[in-house]
Amino acid sequence: MDINGAVSAIEAYVKGFAFSGATPVEVQVRPSGDDIDVIKIWVDLGSSKVDPHAYAEALEAAVKKDVKEAAGFKFHTRAEGA
């Protein structure tokens, strides 16, 4: 799988990902401009009370486990909330 195909599959997965009742308000998944095997995942949790760091860790683990197209790539995952 090329990186663009992996990005599309990951983005579709992330849009529906829920952790401790929180779902993303906005999602951006992009290939890193610096590294050819790194995908950057950014999630806005809006006004959710969920810890963004815990959400990001859970999301990255879930992507690695559930998105077969993500195999072989590294991730920089960040979540933000109010």
N, C-alpha and C. Protein backbone atom coordinates (compact mmCIF):
# COMPACT_ATOMS: atom_id res chain seq x y z
N MET A 1 0.86 -1.18 0.00
CA MET A 1 0.00 0.00 0.00
C MET A 1 0.90 1.23 0.00
N ASP A 2 0.58 2.18 -0.86
CA ASP A 2 1.33 3.43 -0.86
C ASP A 2 0.81 4.34 0.25
N ILE A 3 1.54 5.39 0.54
CA ILE A 3 1.21 6.26 1.67
C ILE A 3 -0.13 6.96 1.46
N ASN A 4 -0.46 7.34 0.24
CA ASN A 4 -1.72 8.04 0.00
C ASN A 4 -2.93 7.13 0.24
N GLY A 5 -2.81 5.87 -0.13
CA GLY A 5 -3.87 4.91 0.15
C GLY A 5 -4.03 4.68 1.64
N ALA A 6 -2.89 4.61 2.34
CA ALA A 6 -2.92 4.45 3.80
C ALA A 6 -3.56 5.66 4.47
N VAL A 7 -3.23 6.85 4.00
CA VAL A 7 -3.81 8.08 4.56
C VAL A 7 -5.33 8.06 4.41
N SER A 8 -5.82 7.69 3.26
CA SER A 8 -7.28 7.64 3.03
C SER A 8 -7.96 6.64 3.96
N ALA A 9 -7.37 5.46 4.10
CA ALA A 9 -7.96 4.44 4.97
C ALA A 9 -7.93 4.89 6.43
N ILE A 10 -6.84 5.50 6.85
CA ILE A 10 -6.73 5.96 8.24
C ILE A 10 -7.71 7.09 8.51
N GLU A 11 -7.83 8.02 7.59
CA GLU A 11 -8.75 9.14 7.78
C GLU A 11 -10.19 8.65 7.94
N ALA A 12 -10.60 7.70 7.12
CA ALA A 12 -11.95 7.14 7.23
C ALA A 12 -12.15 6.49 8.59
N TYR A 13 -11.14 5.78 9.06
CA TYR A 13 -11.23 5.12 10.36
C TYR A 13 -11.29 6.13 11.51
N VAL A 14 -10.43 7.13 11.45
CA VAL A 14 -10.34 8.12 12.53
C VAL A 14 -11.65 8.90 12.70
N LYS A 15 -12.31 9.21 11.61
CA LYS A 15 -13.56 9.98 11.69
C LYS A 15 -14.62 9.29 12.54
N GLY A 16 -14.58 7.98 12.62
CA GLY A 16 -15.56 7.24 13.41
C GLY A 16 -15.02 6.72 14.73
N PHE A 17 -13.78 7.06 15.07
CA PHE A 17 -13.16 6.52 16.28
C PHE A 17 -13.71 7.22 17.52
N ALA A 18 -14.10 6.43 18.50
CA ALA A 18 -14.59 6.97 19.78
C ALA A 18 -13.74 6.40 20.91
N PHE A 19 -13.45 7.25 21.88
CA PHE A 19 -12.69 6.84 23.06
C PHE A 19 -13.29 7.56 24.26
N SER A 20 -13.72 6.81 25.24
CA SER A 20 -14.35 7.37 26.45
C SER A 20 -15.49 8.32 26.10
N GLY A 21 -16.22 7.97 25.07
CA GLY A 21 -17.38 8.77 24.66
C GLY A 21 -17.06 9.96 23.77
N ALA A 22 -15.77 10.20 23.51
CA ALA A 22 -15.39 11.34 22.68
C ALA A 22 -15.18 10.91 21.23
N THR A 23 -15.71 11.70 20.32
CA THR A 23 -15.48 11.50 18.89
C THR A 23 -14.92 12.80 18.31
N PRO A 24 -14.18 12.72 17.23
CA PRO A 24 -13.56 13.93 16.69
C PRO A 24 -14.56 14.89 16.06
N VAL A 25 -14.28 16.17 16.23
CA VAL A 25 -15.04 17.23 15.58
C VAL A 25 -14.41 17.53 14.22
N GLU A 26 -13.09 17.45 14.18
CA GLU A 26 -12.33 17.69 12.94
C GLU A 26 -11.15 16.73 12.91
N VAL A 27 -10.81 16.26 11.72
CA VAL A 27 -9.72 15.30 11.54
C VAL A 27 -8.86 15.74 10.36
N GLN A 28 -7.55 15.63 10.54
CA GLN A 28 -6.62 15.83 9.43
C GLN A 28 -5.61 14.69 9.47
N VAL A 29 -5.46 14.00 8.36
CA VAL A 29 -4.49 12.93 8.22
C VAL A 29 -3.70 13.24 6.95
N ARG A 30 -2.38 13.35 7.11
CA ARG A 30 -1.52 13.75 5.99
C ARG A 30 -0.19 12.99 6.03
N PRO A 31 0.39 12.75 4.85
CA PRO A 31 1.76 12.25 4.85
C PRO A 31 2.68 13.33 5.41
N SER A 32 3.70 12.93 6.14
CA SER A 32 4.67 13.89 6.64
C SER A 32 5.44 14.46 5.47
N GLY A 33 5.71 15.73 5.51
CA GLY A 33 6.52 16.34 4.47
C GLY A 33 8.00 16.07 4.67
N ASP A 34 8.37 15.57 5.83
CA ASP A 34 9.78 15.37 6.18
C ASP A 34 10.24 13.92 6.01
N ASP A 35 9.39 12.97 6.33
CA ASP A 35 9.76 11.56 6.33
C ASP A 35 8.81 10.78 5.43
N ILE A 36 9.36 9.91 4.59
CA ILE A 36 8.53 9.21 3.61
C ILE A 36 7.68 8.09 4.19
N ASP A 37 7.97 7.69 5.44
CA ASP A 37 7.21 6.59 6.05
C ASP A 37 6.41 7.03 7.28
N VAL A 38 6.17 8.34 7.40
CA VAL A 38 5.47 8.88 8.57
C VAL A 38 4.16 9.52 8.13
N ILE A 39 3.11 9.21 8.87
CA ILE A 39 1.79 9.81 8.65
C ILE A 39 1.42 10.62 9.88
N LYS A 40 0.98 11.85 9.65
CA LYS A 40 0.58 12.72 10.75
C LYS A 40 -0.94 12.68 10.90
N ILE A 41 -1.37 12.46 12.13
CA ILE A 41 -2.80 12.39 12.44
C ILE A 41 -3.10 13.47 13.46
N TRP A 42 -4.04 14.37 13.14
CA TRP A 42 -4.44 15.43 14.07
C TRP A 42 -5.96 15.35 14.24
N VAL A 43 -6.39 15.45 15.50
CA VAL A 43 -7.81 15.36 15.82
C VAL A 43 -8.19 16.50 16.75
N ASP A 44 -9.29 17.17 16.42
CA ASP A 44 -9.86 18.19 17.31
C ASP A 44 -11.04 17.54 18.02
N LEU A 45 -10.98 17.52 19.34
CA LEU A 45 -12.05 16.90 20.14
C LEU A 45 -13.11 17.91 20.57
N GLY A 46 -12.98 19.14 20.15
CA GLY A 46 -13.97 20.15 20.52
C GLY A 46 -13.98 20.38 22.01
N SER A 47 -15.16 20.41 22.60
CA SER A 47 -15.30 20.70 24.03
C SER A 47 -15.33 19.44 24.88
N SER A 48 -14.89 18.32 24.33
CA SER A 48 -14.87 17.06 25.07
C SER A 48 -14.01 17.18 26.32
N LYS A 49 -14.39 16.47 27.35
CA LYS A 49 -13.65 16.46 28.62
C LYS A 49 -12.59 15.36 28.66
N VAL A 50 -12.44 14.61 27.58
CA VAL A 50 -11.47 13.53 27.51
C VAL A 50 -10.06 14.11 27.41
N ASP A 51 -9.11 13.48 28.12
CA ASP A 51 -7.71 13.89 28.06
C ASP A 51 -7.19 13.69 26.63
N PRO A 52 -6.77 14.77 25.97
CA PRO A 52 -6.32 14.65 24.57
C PRO A 52 -5.13 13.71 24.40
N HIS A 53 -4.23 13.69 25.36
CA HIS A 53 -3.06 12.80 25.27
C HIS A 53 -3.50 11.34 25.31
N ALA A 54 -4.41 11.01 26.22
CA ALA A 54 -4.92 9.64 26.31
C ALA A 54 -5.67 9.27 25.04
N TYR A 55 -6.45 10.20 24.50
CA TYR A 55 -7.17 9.95 23.26
C TYR A 55 -6.19 9.65 22.13
N ALA A 56 -5.15 10.47 21.99
CA ALA A 56 -4.17 10.29 20.93
C ALA A 56 -3.47 8.93 21.05
N GLU A 57 -3.11 8.53 22.25
CA GLU A 57 -2.47 7.24 22.45
C GLU A 57 -3.40 6.09 22.06
N ALA A 58 -4.66 6.19 22.49
CA ALA A 58 -5.64 5.14 22.16
C ALA A 58 -5.90 5.10 20.66
N LEU A 59 -5.98 6.26 20.04
CA LEU A 59 -6.22 6.33 18.60
C LEU A 59 -5.08 5.70 17.82
N GLU A 60 -3.85 6.04 18.17
CA GLU A 60 -2.71 5.49 17.45
C GLU A 60 -2.65 3.97 17.60
N ALA A 61 -2.89 3.48 18.80
CA ALA A 61 -2.89 2.03 19.02
C ALA A 61 -3.99 1.36 18.19
N ALA A 62 -5.16 1.98 18.13
CA ALA A 62 -6.27 1.41 17.37
C ALA A 62 -5.97 1.41 15.87
N VAL A 63 -5.37 2.48 15.37
CA VAL A 63 -5.02 2.54 13.95
C VAL A 63 -4.04 1.42 13.61
N LYS A 64 -3.02 1.25 14.44
CA LYS A 64 -2.03 0.20 14.21
C LYS A 64 -2.67 -1.18 14.21
N LYS A 65 -3.65 -1.37 15.07
CA LYS A 65 -4.30 -2.68 15.21
C LYS A 65 -5.37 -2.93 14.14
N ASP A 66 -6.17 -1.93 13.85
CA ASP A 66 -7.38 -2.13 13.04
C ASP A 66 -7.27 -1.74 11.56
N VAL A 67 -6.34 -0.89 11.19
CA VAL A 67 -6.26 -0.41 9.81
C VAL A 67 -5.10 -1.14 9.11
N LYS A 68 -5.43 -2.16 8.37
CA LYS A 68 -4.39 -2.99 7.75
C LYS A 68 -3.53 -2.19 6.77
N GLU A 69 -4.09 -1.17 6.16
CA GLU A 69 -3.34 -0.32 5.23
C GLU A 69 -2.25 0.50 5.92
N ALA A 70 -2.33 0.60 7.25
CA ALA A 70 -1.37 1.39 8.02
C ALA A 70 -0.09 0.64 8.32
N ALA A 71 -0.06 -0.64 8.04
CA ALA A 71 1.11 -1.46 8.34
C ALA A 71 2.34 -0.91 7.61
N GLY A 72 3.44 -0.82 8.34
CA GLY A 72 4.70 -0.36 7.76
C GLY A 72 4.93 1.12 7.87
N PHE A 73 3.97 1.85 8.40
CA PHE A 73 4.12 3.29 8.55
C PHE A 73 4.29 3.66 10.03
N LYS A 74 4.91 4.80 10.27
CA LYS A 74 5.03 5.38 11.61
C LYS A 74 4.04 6.53 11.69
N PHE A 75 3.72 6.93 12.94
CA PHE A 75 2.70 7.96 13.12
C PHE A 75 3.15 9.05 14.09
N HIS A 76 2.72 10.25 13.81
CA HIS A 76 2.78 11.36 14.76
C HIS A 76 1.32 11.71 14.99
N THR A 77 0.82 11.37 16.16
CA THR A 77 -0.60 11.54 16.45
C THR A 77 -0.78 12.60 17.52
N ARG A 78 -1.69 13.54 17.26
CA ARG A 78 -1.96 14.62 18.21
C ARG A 78 -3.46 14.86 18.28
N ALA A 79 -3.95 15.02 19.50
CA ALA A 79 -5.34 15.38 19.70
C ALA A 79 -5.38 16.66 20.53
N GLU A 80 -6.35 17.50 20.24
CA GLU A 80 -6.54 18.74 20.97
C GLU A 80 -7.99 18.85 21.39
N GLY A 81 -8.22 19.49 22.50
CA GLY A 81 -9.57 19.73 22.98
C GLY A 81 -9.64 21.05 23.72
N ALA A 82 -10.85 21.47 24.00
CA ALA A 82 -11.03 22.76 24.69
C ALA A 82 -10.66 22.67 26.15
